[in-house]
Protein backbone atom coordinates (compact mmCIF):
# COMPACT_ATOMS: atom_id res chain seq x y z
CA MET A 1 107.01 129.22 125.20
CA ILE A 2 104.40 126.79 123.34
CA MET A 3 107.00 124.70 122.79
CA SER A 4 107.77 123.57 126.12
CA THR A 5 103.96 122.21 125.82
CA PHE A 6 104.34 120.02 123.32
CA THR A 7 108.23 118.91 124.39
CA GLU A 8 107.48 118.03 128.11
CA SER A 9 104.89 116.09 126.09
CA HIS A 10 106.67 113.72 124.28
CA ASP A 11 109.52 111.47 124.92
CA PHE A 12 112.83 112.67 123.06
CA THR A 13 115.11 109.56 124.48
CA GLY A 14 117.95 109.64 122.25
CA ALA A 15 116.53 111.54 119.50
CA THR A 16 118.45 114.63 118.29
CA VAL A 17 116.12 117.96 118.70
CA HIS A 18 116.93 121.31 116.61
CA PRO A 19 114.97 123.91 118.18
CA PHE A 20 113.36 126.55 115.81
CA THR A 21 112.24 129.60 116.40
CA THR A 22 110.56 133.20 115.16
CA TYR A 23 111.87 136.58 116.82
CA ALA A 24 111.64 140.10 116.07
CA MET A 25 115.63 141.02 118.16
CA SER A 26 116.92 138.83 120.44
CA GLY A 27 117.69 135.60 117.90
CA LEU A 28 117.26 132.28 119.48
CA GLY A 29 118.05 134.05 123.40
CA THR A 30 117.15 131.41 125.42
CA THR A 31 115.41 128.51 123.17
CA GLU A 32 118.00 126.28 123.52
CA ARG A 33 118.69 126.19 126.99
CA ASP A 34 114.62 125.63 127.27
CA TYR A 35 114.42 123.24 124.53
CA ALA A 36 117.32 120.91 126.25
CA ARG A 37 115.42 121.19 129.70
CA SER A 38 112.50 120.77 128.30
CA CYS A 39 113.62 117.56 126.07
CA PRO A 40 115.57 114.98 128.96
CA GLY A 41 117.36 112.07 127.53
CA GLY A 42 117.46 114.12 123.79
CA THR A 43 120.25 116.04 122.01
CA ILE A 44 120.17 119.68 121.37
CA GLY A 45 121.59 120.17 117.95
CA GLU A 46 121.70 123.14 116.15
CA GLY A 47 119.27 125.59 116.36
CA LEU A 48 117.87 127.87 113.74
CA ALA A 49 115.77 131.40 114.75
CA VAL A 50 114.15 133.06 111.73
CA ARG A 51 113.17 136.67 112.05
CA GLY A 52 109.30 137.27 112.50
CA GLU A 53 109.12 139.68 109.31
CA GLN A 54 110.51 136.77 107.40
CA ALA A 55 108.89 134.22 107.95
CA GLY A 56 105.48 136.49 106.80
CA ARG A 57 107.13 136.04 103.32
CA CYS A 58 108.68 132.17 102.79
CA ALA A 59 107.79 129.64 100.38
CA THR A 60 106.42 126.18 100.54
CA SER A 61 108.35 124.04 98.46
CA GLY A 62 107.89 120.14 98.89
CA ASP A 63 107.74 119.49 102.39
CA ARG A 64 110.41 122.07 103.69
CA LEU A 65 110.11 126.20 104.64
CA ALA A 66 112.10 128.06 102.47
CA PRO A 67 112.98 131.59 103.11
CA PRO A 68 112.49 133.34 99.68
CA ASP A 69 116.68 134.60 99.53
CA ARG A 70 117.61 130.96 100.91
CA PRO A 71 115.46 127.95 99.51
CA ASP A 72 117.40 125.78 100.77
CA HIS A 73 118.56 126.86 104.32
CA GLN A 74 116.54 124.39 106.23
CA MET A 75 117.39 121.37 104.32
CA MET A 76 121.37 123.05 105.23
CA TRP A 77 120.71 123.80 108.71
CA LEU A 78 119.61 119.77 109.24
CA GLY A 79 122.98 118.70 107.17
CA LEU A 80 120.61 117.13 104.38
CA GLY A 81 121.18 120.02 101.64
CA PRO A 82 124.27 120.32 99.40
């Protein structure tokens, strides 16, 4: 997992990490467990899995990635939306 390379090279002590992944069939799969292992000292928050076909159709809205059918989904996932 490419994100493991990133997370293992940074210190997430005291941080909350929200795992995310694109997928074809497995959803989050072991993503949350993998992040927990590679982010010692961090808190693992709710993960987000985006189907690969949907990720390709996403539109950019400001500084967030938004699927066309749920433009506020990621902000709500982070607790920042309506």
